[in-house]
């Protein structure tokens, strides 16, 4: 017989959440970066993010990726566990000597692909339209 089952469940949930935060990189937007044919390619996993909530900018030698996903409360649902992440996330990638006016971005099947042509001229700032 367990004397404090609710307390034990709460402590277990607290510990699970703490260890997930410590060891899981779920708050980072996982990104692969590679170079091919004089271009940088960045592929970022963004499942569940709407295109209009994703922003790509180039500022001071950094490609800046910002994505936001908001939680919509539904009073009819009683959650047992929530593992999806909500909020605003930002990643910065240092890429110098690129052609900022030729940066292309597309969002397909939860993957944001950014193509950044290299250049010999150092660029300062630019915003990128996502297709």
C-alpha atoms as a PDB file:
ATOM      1  CA  UNK A   1       0.000   0.000   0.000  1.00  0.00           C
ATOM      2  CA  UNK A   2       1.337   3.397  -1.002  1.00  0.00           C
ATOM      3  CA  UNK A   3       0.627   6.225   1.444  1.00  0.00           C
ATOM      4  CA  UNK A   4       1.200   9.219  -0.854  1.00  0.00           C
ATOM      5  CA  UNK A   5       0.532   8.104  -4.450  1.00  0.00           C
ATOM      6  CA  UNK A   6      -0.263  11.614  -5.700  1.00  0.00           C
ATOM      7  CA  UNK A   7       2.906  13.069  -4.161  1.00  0.00           C
ATOM      8  CA  UNK A   8       5.003  10.275  -5.661  1.00  0.00           C
ATOM      9  CA  UNK A   9       3.461  10.925  -9.118  1.00  0.00           C
ATOM     10  CA  UNK A  10       4.165  14.662  -8.828  1.00  0.00           C
ATOM     11  CA  UNK A  11       7.788  14.077  -7.789  1.00  0.00           C
ATOM     12  CA  UNK A  12       8.255  11.609 -10.639  1.00  0.00           C
ATOM     13  CA  UNK A  13       6.809  14.096 -13.148  1.00  0.00           C
ATOM     14  CA  UNK A  14       9.008  16.867 -11.750  1.00  0.00           C
ATOM     15  CA  UNK A  15      12.111  14.664 -12.043  1.00  0.00           C
ATOM     16  CA  UNK A  16      11.177  13.594 -15.599  1.00  0.00           C
ATOM     17  CA  UNK A  17      10.724  17.218 -16.667  1.00  0.00           C
ATOM     18  CA  UNK A  18      13.994  18.270 -15.008  1.00  0.00           C
ATOM     19  CA  UNK A  19      16.041  15.515 -16.660  1.00  0.00           C
ATOM     20  CA  UNK A  20      14.429  16.146 -20.051  1.00  0.00           C
ATOM     21  CA  UNK A  21      15.421  19.810 -19.806  1.00  0.00           C
ATOM     22  CA  UNK A  22      18.963  18.930 -18.731  1.00  0.00           C
ATOM     23  CA  UNK A  23      19.787  16.235 -21.269  1.00  0.00           C
ATOM     24  CA  UNK A  24      17.435  16.755 -24.175  1.00  0.00           C
ATOM     25  CA  UNK A  25      18.257  19.346 -26.828  1.00  0.00           C
ATOM     26  CA  UNK A  26      14.586  19.769 -27.647  1.00  0.00           C
ATOM     27  CA  UNK A  27      14.734  23.561 -27.284  1.00  0.00           C
ATOM     28  CA  UNK A  28      17.362  23.857 -29.972  1.00  0.00           C
ATOM     29  CA  UNK A  29      16.172  23.924 -33.537  1.00  0.00           C
ATOM     30  CA  UNK A  30      18.129  20.940 -34.908  1.00  0.00           C
ATOM     31  CA  UNK A  31      20.037  22.065 -37.993  1.00  0.00           C
ATOM     32  CA  UNK A  32      22.371  20.423 -40.485  1.00  0.00           C
ATOM     33  CA  UNK A  33      24.767  22.762 -42.295  1.00  0.00           C
ATOM     34  CA  UNK A  34      26.802  21.746 -45.299  1.00  0.00           C
ATOM     35  CA  UNK A  35      28.621  23.322 -48.214  1.00  0.00           C
ATOM     36  CA  UNK A  36      28.045  22.345 -51.853  1.00  0.00           C
ATOM     37  CA  UNK A  37      28.768  24.112 -55.153  1.00  0.00           C
ATOM     38  CA  UNK A  38      29.947  27.359 -53.550  1.00  0.00           C
ATOM     39  CA  UNK A  39      26.808  27.596 -51.361  1.00  0.00           C
ATOM     40  CA  UNK A  40      25.944  26.903 -47.736  1.00  0.00           C
ATOM     41  CA  UNK A  41      22.856  24.782 -47.091  1.00  0.00           C
ATOM     42  CA  UNK A  42      21.046  24.836 -43.757  1.00  0.00           C
ATOM     43  CA  UNK A  43      18.295  22.303 -43.099  1.00  0.00           C
ATOM     44  CA  UNK A  44      16.349  22.892 -39.896  1.00  0.00           C
ATOM     45  CA  UNK A  45      13.638  20.648 -38.460  1.00  0.00           C
ATOM     46  CA  UNK A  46      10.518  22.729 -37.783  1.00  0.00           C
ATOM     47  CA  UNK A  47       7.608  20.292 -37.556  1.00  0.00           C
ATOM     48  CA  UNK A  48       4.374  21.982 -36.531  1.00  0.00           C
ATOM     49  CA  UNK A  49       5.629  25.507 -37.254  1.00  0.00           C
ATOM     50  CA  UNK A  50       3.632  27.616 -39.717  1.00  0.00           C
ATOM     51  CA  UNK A  51       5.580  29.389 -42.466  1.00  0.00           C
ATOM     52  CA  UNK A  52       4.254  32.773 -41.359  1.00  0.00           C
ATOM     53  CA  UNK A  53       5.773  32.186 -37.892  1.00  0.00           C
ATOM     54  CA  UNK A  54       9.298  31.591 -39.232  1.00  0.00           C
ATOM     55  CA  UNK A  55      11.719  34.444 -39.864  1.00  0.00           C
ATOM     56  CA  UNK A  56      15.199  34.373 -41.435  1.00  0.00           C
ATOM     57  CA  UNK A  57      17.490  37.410 -41.292  1.00  0.00           C
ATOM     58  CA  UNK A  58      21.146  38.129 -41.948  1.00  0.00           C
ATOM     59  CA  UNK A  59      22.699  40.490 -39.383  1.00  0.00           C
ATOM     60  CA  UNK A  60      26.350  41.315 -38.701  1.00  0.00           C
ATOM     61  CA  UNK A  61      27.742  38.130 -40.248  1.00  0.00           C
ATOM     62  CA  UNK A  62      25.090  35.875 -38.702  1.00  0.00           C
ATOM     63  CA  UNK A  63      22.160  34.094 -40.267  1.00  0.00           C
ATOM     64  CA  UNK A  64      19.401  34.442 -37.652  1.00  0.00           C
ATOM     65  CA  UNK A  65      16.537  31.950 -37.604  1.00  0.00           C
ATOM     66  CA  UNK A  66      13.509  32.678 -35.408  1.00  0.00           C
ATOM     67  CA  UNK A  67      10.486  30.380 -35.167  1.00  0.00           C
ATOM     68  CA  UNK A  68       7.410  30.696 -32.992  1.00  0.00           C
ATOM     69  CA  UNK A  69       4.703  28.163 -32.135  1.00  0.00           C
ATOM     70  CA  UNK A  70       1.862  29.159 -29.835  1.00  0.00           C
ATOM     71  CA  UNK A  71      -0.136  26.816 -27.664  1.00  0.00           C
ATOM     72  CA  UNK A  72      -3.874  27.083 -28.228  1.00  0.00           C
ATOM     73  CA  UNK A  73      -5.776  26.180 -25.079  1.00  0.00           C
ATOM     74  CA  UNK A  74      -8.655  23.737 -25.504  1.00  0.00           C
ATOM     75  CA  UNK A  75     -10.863  23.442 -22.413  1.00  0.00           C
ATOM     76  CA  UNK A  76     -12.323  20.170 -23.696  1.00  0.00           C
ATOM     77  CA  UNK A  77      -8.987  18.348 -23.534  1.00  0.00           C
ATOM     78  CA  UNK A  78      -7.559  16.925 -20.341  1.00  0.00           C
ATOM     79  CA  UNK A  79      -3.847  16.402 -20.925  1.00  0.00           C
ATOM     80  CA  UNK A  80      -2.080  13.460 -19.345  1.00  0.00           C
ATOM     81  CA  UNK A  81       1.322  14.614 -20.619  1.00  0.00           C
ATOM     82  CA  UNK A  82       2.498  17.437 -22.885  1.00  0.00           C
ATOM     83  CA  UNK A  83       5.767  16.961 -24.752  1.00  0.00           C
ATOM     84  CA  UNK A  84       5.391  19.432 -27.604  1.00  0.00           C
ATOM     85  CA  UNK A  85       7.332  22.656 -27.281  1.00  0.00           C
ATOM     86  CA  UNK A  86       5.706  26.049 -27.626  1.00  0.00           C
ATOM     87  CA  UNK A  87       7.169  29.524 -27.620  1.00  0.00           C
ATOM     88  CA  UNK A  88       9.749  31.436 -29.637  1.00  0.00           C
ATOM     89  CA  UNK A  89      13.115  29.937 -30.525  1.00  0.00           C
ATOM     90  CA  UNK A  90      16.152  31.582 -32.104  1.00  0.00           C
ATOM     91  CA  UNK A  91      19.336  30.179 -33.604  1.00  0.00           C
ATOM     92  CA  UNK A  92      22.273  32.218 -34.903  1.00  0.00           C
ATOM     93  CA  UNK A  93      24.804  30.846 -37.385  1.00  0.00           C
ATOM     94  CA  UNK A  94      28.007  32.669 -38.237  1.00  0.00           C
ATOM     95  CA  UNK A  95      28.397  32.777 -42.030  1.00  0.00           C
ATOM     96  CA  UNK A  96      30.694  35.431 -43.462  1.00  0.00           C
ATOM     97  CA  UNK A  97      31.413  36.340 -47.062  1.00  0.00           C
ATOM     98  CA  UNK A  98      27.987  35.466 -48.401  1.00  0.00           C
ATOM     99  CA  UNK A  99      25.725  37.051 -51.004  1.00  0.00           C
ATOM    100  CA  UNK A 100      22.887  38.300 -48.783  1.00  0.00           C
ATOM    101  CA  UNK A 101      20.585  39.333 -51.627  1.00  0.00           C
ATOM    102  CA  UNK A 102      20.598  35.794 -53.068  1.00  0.00           C
ATOM    103  CA  UNK A 103      19.641  33.895 -49.885  1.00  0.00           C
ATOM    104  CA  UNK A 104      16.696  31.562 -50.555  1.00  0.00           C
ATOM    105  CA  UNK A 105      14.503  29.762 -48.021  1.00  0.00           C
ATOM    106  CA  UNK A 106      11.698  27.222 -48.343  1.00  0.00           C
ATOM    107  CA  UNK A 107       9.575  25.329 -45.798  1.00  0.00           C
ATOM    108  CA  UNK A 108       8.358  21.893 -46.899  1.00  0.00           C
ATOM    109  CA  UNK A 109       7.176  18.933 -44.799  1.00  0.00           C
ATOM    110  CA  UNK A 110       8.454  20.470 -41.556  1.00  0.00           C
ATOM    111  CA  UNK A 111      11.956  21.155 -42.903  1.00  0.00           C
ATOM    112  CA  UNK A 112      13.220  24.694 -43.459  1.00  0.00           C
ATOM    113  CA  UNK A 113      15.912  24.729 -46.154  1.00  0.00           C
ATOM    114  CA  UNK A 114      18.046  27.850 -46.486  1.00  0.00           C
ATOM    115  CA  UNK A 115      20.475  28.221 -49.402  1.00  0.00           C
ATOM    116  CA  UNK A 116      23.182  30.836 -48.905  1.00  0.00           C
ATOM    117  CA  UNK A 117      25.454  31.625 -51.882  1.00  0.00           C
ATOM    118  CA  UNK A 118      29.038  32.452 -50.971  1.00  0.00           C
ATOM    119  CA  UNK A 119      30.635  35.744 -51.995  1.00  0.00           C
ATOM    120  CA  UNK A 120      33.982  37.449 -51.683  1.00  0.00           C
ATOM    121  CA  UNK A 121      32.309  40.604 -50.315  1.00  0.00           C
ATOM    122  CA  UNK A 122      31.383  40.859 -46.632  1.00  0.00           C
ATOM    123  CA  UNK A 123      27.634  41.669 -46.285  1.00  0.00           C
ATOM    124  CA  UNK A 124      25.980  43.357 -43.280  1.00  0.00           C
ATOM    125  CA  UNK A 125      22.162  42.846 -43.084  1.00  0.00           C
ATOM    126  CA  UNK A 126      19.200  41.436 -45.008  1.00  0.00           C
ATOM    127  CA  UNK A 127      15.766  39.843 -44.455  1.00  0.00           C
ATOM    128  CA  UNK A 128      14.844  36.672 -46.367  1.00  0.00           C
ATOM    129  CA  UNK A 129      11.456  35.757 -47.850  1.00  0.00           C
ATOM    130  CA  UNK A 130      10.422  32.132 -47.152  1.00  0.00           C
ATOM    131  CA  UNK A 131       8.745  30.333 -50.063  1.00  0.00           C
END
